[in-house]
Amino acid sequence: MEFKKKSSLTKFHTMTLWRNKADLKRFAQNEAHKYAIRKSKSIAKKVKTLTIEEYTLPDWKEAILLLESKGKIRVLS
């Protein structure tokens, strides 16, 4: 439903808003997303993710605070 991105020299952030968990899960399991995750290994050492239930996307300050405090880290190798 909505997408935001923000980047700096060393970090890249994205936020997406979905109608429901089924839509999110369907996207996460599609081939294009799987391909992008595999390719991310060439540009990142780790990925941090967080899924929350909200009706709107938070502002960047709140989103980054939530990600830092509650995000799950996945080390890419």
N, C-alpha and C. Protein backbone atom coordinates (compact mmCIF):
# COMPACT_ATOMS: atom_id res chain seq x y z
N MET A 1 0.81 -1.18 0.00
CA MET A 1 0.00 0.00 0.00
C MET A 1 0.86 1.26 0.00
N GLU A 2 2.02 1.16 0.66
CA GLU A 2 2.92 2.32 0.73
C GLU A 2 4.36 1.83 0.88
N PHE A 3 5.30 2.66 0.41
CA PHE A 3 6.72 2.32 0.43
C PHE A 3 7.51 3.60 0.66
N LYS A 4 8.54 3.50 1.50
CA LYS A 4 9.47 4.61 1.71
C LYS A 4 10.88 4.04 1.69
N LYS A 5 11.83 4.84 1.22
CA LYS A 5 13.23 4.44 1.28
C LYS A 5 14.07 5.64 1.68
N LYS A 6 15.20 5.33 2.30
CA LYS A 6 16.13 6.36 2.77
C LYS A 6 17.52 5.74 2.74
N SER A 7 18.51 6.49 2.27
CA SER A 7 19.85 5.92 2.23
C SER A 7 20.89 6.97 2.58
N SER A 8 22.02 6.45 3.03
CA SER A 8 23.20 7.27 3.29
C SER A 8 24.37 6.53 2.66
N LEU A 9 25.55 6.97 2.96
CA LEU A 9 26.73 6.32 2.38
C LEU A 9 26.86 4.86 2.81
N THR A 10 26.47 4.55 4.05
CA THR A 10 26.69 3.20 4.57
C THR A 10 25.41 2.45 4.97
N LYS A 11 24.25 3.10 4.89
CA LYS A 11 23.01 2.43 5.30
C LYS A 11 21.90 2.69 4.30
N PHE A 12 21.04 1.69 4.14
CA PHE A 12 19.89 1.81 3.26
C PHE A 12 18.68 1.29 4.03
N HIS A 13 17.64 2.09 4.13
CA HIS A 13 16.43 1.71 4.87
C HIS A 13 15.23 1.69 3.93
N THR A 14 14.35 0.74 4.13
CA THR A 14 13.07 0.72 3.42
C THR A 14 11.97 0.43 4.42
N MET A 15 10.78 0.94 4.12
CA MET A 15 9.57 0.64 4.90
C MET A 15 8.47 0.31 3.91
N THR A 16 7.68 -0.68 4.24
CA THR A 16 6.52 -1.02 3.41
C THR A 16 5.30 -1.18 4.30
N LEU A 17 4.15 -0.86 3.75
CA LEU A 17 2.88 -1.00 4.44
C LEU A 17 2.01 -1.95 3.64
N TRP A 18 1.49 -2.98 4.30
CA TRP A 18 0.71 -4.02 3.63
C TRP A 18 -0.72 -4.03 4.17
N ARG A 19 -1.65 -4.50 3.34
CA ARG A 19 -3.05 -4.62 3.76
C ARG A 19 -3.21 -5.63 4.89
N ASN A 20 -2.43 -6.73 4.77
CA ASN A 20 -2.55 -7.82 5.75
C ASN A 20 -1.29 -8.68 5.71
N LYS A 21 -1.20 -9.58 6.67
CA LYS A 21 -0.02 -10.45 6.77
C LYS A 21 0.12 -11.38 5.57
N ALA A 22 -1.00 -11.81 5.00
CA ALA A 22 -0.95 -12.71 3.85
C ALA A 22 -0.28 -12.03 2.66
N ASP A 23 -0.60 -10.75 2.42
CA ASP A 23 0.05 -10.02 1.33
C ASP A 23 1.55 -9.88 1.57
N LEU A 24 1.93 -9.57 2.80
CA LEU A 24 3.35 -9.46 3.16
C LEU A 24 4.07 -10.79 2.94
N LYS A 25 3.47 -11.85 3.41
CA LYS A 25 4.07 -13.18 3.27
C LYS A 25 4.20 -13.57 1.81
N ARG A 26 3.18 -13.30 1.01
CA ARG A 26 3.21 -13.61 -0.42
C ARG A 26 4.35 -12.86 -1.11
N PHE A 27 4.52 -11.60 -0.76
CA PHE A 27 5.62 -10.81 -1.34
C PHE A 27 6.97 -11.38 -0.92
N ALA A 28 7.13 -11.66 0.37
CA ALA A 28 8.41 -12.14 0.88
C ALA A 28 8.82 -13.47 0.25
N GLN A 29 7.84 -14.25 -0.19
CA GLN A 29 8.14 -15.56 -0.77
C GLN A 29 8.19 -15.57 -2.29
N ASN A 30 7.97 -14.42 -2.93
CA ASN A 30 8.00 -14.44 -4.40
C ASN A 30 9.43 -14.45 -4.90
N GLU A 31 9.61 -14.91 -6.12
CA GLU A 31 10.95 -15.11 -6.68
C GLU A 31 11.76 -13.82 -6.81
N ALA A 32 11.11 -12.73 -7.17
CA ALA A 32 11.83 -11.45 -7.31
C ALA A 32 12.42 -11.01 -5.97
N HIS A 33 11.67 -11.16 -4.90
CA HIS A 33 12.17 -10.78 -3.57
C HIS A 33 13.29 -11.72 -3.14
N LYS A 34 13.12 -13.00 -3.36
CA LYS A 34 14.18 -13.96 -3.01
C LYS A 34 15.47 -13.64 -3.76
N TYR A 35 15.35 -13.28 -5.04
CA TYR A 35 16.51 -12.92 -5.83
C TYR A 35 17.19 -11.67 -5.25
N ALA A 36 16.39 -10.66 -4.90
CA ALA A 36 16.95 -9.43 -4.33
C ALA A 36 17.67 -9.72 -3.03
N ILE A 37 17.14 -10.57 -2.20
CA ILE A 37 17.79 -10.92 -0.93
C ILE A 37 19.12 -11.61 -1.20
N ARG A 38 19.15 -12.52 -2.16
CA ARG A 38 20.42 -13.19 -2.50
C ARG A 38 21.45 -12.17 -3.00
N LYS A 39 21.03 -11.22 -3.82
CA LYS A 39 21.94 -10.21 -4.34
C LYS A 39 22.41 -9.25 -3.26
N SER A 40 21.63 -9.07 -2.21
CA SER A 40 22.02 -8.12 -1.15
C SER A 40 23.32 -8.55 -0.47
N LYS A 41 23.67 -9.81 -0.57
CA LYS A 41 24.93 -10.29 0.01
C LYS A 41 26.14 -9.59 -0.59
N SER A 42 26.00 -9.09 -1.81
CA SER A 42 27.13 -8.44 -2.45
C SER A 42 27.29 -6.98 -2.02
N ILE A 43 26.30 -6.43 -1.32
CA ILE A 43 26.38 -5.02 -0.90
C ILE A 43 26.23 -4.82 0.60
N ALA A 44 25.90 -5.88 1.33
CA ALA A 44 25.67 -5.73 2.78
C ALA A 44 26.25 -6.90 3.55
N LYS A 45 26.67 -6.64 4.78
CA LYS A 45 27.16 -7.69 5.66
C LYS A 45 26.05 -8.22 6.56
N LYS A 46 25.04 -7.35 6.82
CA LYS A 46 23.93 -7.78 7.65
C LYS A 46 22.67 -7.02 7.25
N VAL A 47 21.55 -7.61 7.58
CA VAL A 47 20.24 -7.00 7.34
C VAL A 47 19.50 -7.03 8.67
N LYS A 48 18.85 -5.93 8.99
CA LYS A 48 18.05 -5.88 10.21
C LYS A 48 16.61 -5.64 9.80
N THR A 49 15.70 -6.46 10.34
CA THR A 49 14.29 -6.36 9.97
C THR A 49 13.41 -6.23 11.20
N LEU A 50 12.24 -5.66 10.98
CA LEU A 50 11.24 -5.54 12.04
C LEU A 50 9.88 -5.50 11.39
N THR A 51 8.97 -6.29 11.88
CA THR A 51 7.58 -6.28 11.42
C THR A 51 6.71 -5.80 12.57
N ILE A 52 5.90 -4.78 12.31
CA ILE A 52 4.98 -4.26 13.30
C ILE A 52 3.59 -4.15 12.68
N GLU A 53 2.57 -4.15 13.50
CA GLU A 53 1.21 -3.99 13.00
C GLU A 53 0.76 -2.56 13.24
N GLU A 54 0.62 -1.82 12.14
CA GLU A 54 0.20 -0.42 12.18
C GLU A 54 -0.66 -0.14 10.95
N TYR A 55 -1.40 0.94 10.99
CA TYR A 55 -2.23 1.35 9.85
C TYR A 55 -1.56 2.40 8.97
N THR A 56 -0.47 2.99 9.48
CA THR A 56 0.30 3.96 8.73
C THR A 56 1.78 3.72 9.01
N LEU A 57 2.63 4.18 8.10
CA LEU A 57 4.06 4.06 8.32
C LEU A 57 4.51 5.11 9.33
N PRO A 58 5.43 4.75 10.22
CA PRO A 58 5.96 5.74 11.17
C PRO A 58 6.89 6.72 10.45
N ASP A 59 7.20 7.83 11.12
CA ASP A 59 8.20 8.73 10.54
C ASP A 59 9.56 8.05 10.69
N TRP A 60 10.57 8.58 9.99
CA TRP A 60 11.88 7.92 9.98
C TRP A 60 12.52 7.85 11.35
N LYS A 61 12.41 8.90 12.14
CA LYS A 61 13.03 8.89 13.46
C LYS A 61 12.47 7.74 14.31
N GLU A 62 11.14 7.62 14.34
CA GLU A 62 10.52 6.54 15.11
C GLU A 62 10.87 5.17 14.53
N ALA A 63 10.85 5.06 13.22
CA ALA A 63 11.14 3.78 12.58
C ALA A 63 12.55 3.29 12.90
N ILE A 64 13.51 4.18 12.84
CA ILE A 64 14.90 3.78 13.11
C ILE A 64 15.09 3.44 14.58
N LEU A 65 14.44 4.16 15.47
CA LEU A 65 14.51 3.82 16.90
C LEU A 65 13.91 2.43 17.14
N LEU A 66 12.77 2.14 16.53
CA LEU A 66 12.15 0.82 16.67
C LEU A 66 13.05 -0.27 16.11
N LEU A 67 13.63 -0.02 14.95
CA LEU A 67 14.51 -1.00 14.32
C LEU A 67 15.72 -1.28 15.20
N GLU A 68 16.33 -0.23 15.74
CA GLU A 68 17.51 -0.40 16.58
C GLU A 68 17.18 -1.13 17.89
N SER A 69 16.02 -0.89 18.45
CA SER A 69 15.70 -1.50 19.74
C SER A 69 15.05 -2.88 19.62
N LYS A 70 14.32 -3.15 18.53
CA LYS A 70 13.56 -4.39 18.42
C LYS A 70 13.86 -5.21 17.17
N GLY A 71 14.68 -4.68 16.28
CA GLY A 71 14.94 -5.36 15.02
C GLY A 71 15.71 -6.66 15.17
N LYS A 72 15.48 -7.57 14.24
CA LYS A 72 16.19 -8.86 14.19
C LYS A 72 17.30 -8.74 13.17
N ILE A 73 18.51 -9.15 13.57
CA ILE A 73 19.68 -9.07 12.69
C ILE A 73 19.88 -10.40 11.98
N ARG A 74 20.13 -10.31 10.69
CA ARG A 74 20.49 -11.47 9.88
C ARG A 74 21.84 -11.19 9.25
N VAL A 75 22.84 -11.98 9.60
CA VAL A 75 24.17 -11.82 9.03
C VAL A 75 24.20 -12.54 7.69
N LEU A 76 24.66 -11.83 6.67
CA LEU A 76 24.72 -12.40 5.32
C LEU A 76 26.09 -12.98 5.07
N SER A 77 26.14 -14.17 4.53
CA SER A 77 27.44 -14.78 4.22
C SER A 77 27.39 -15.53 2.93
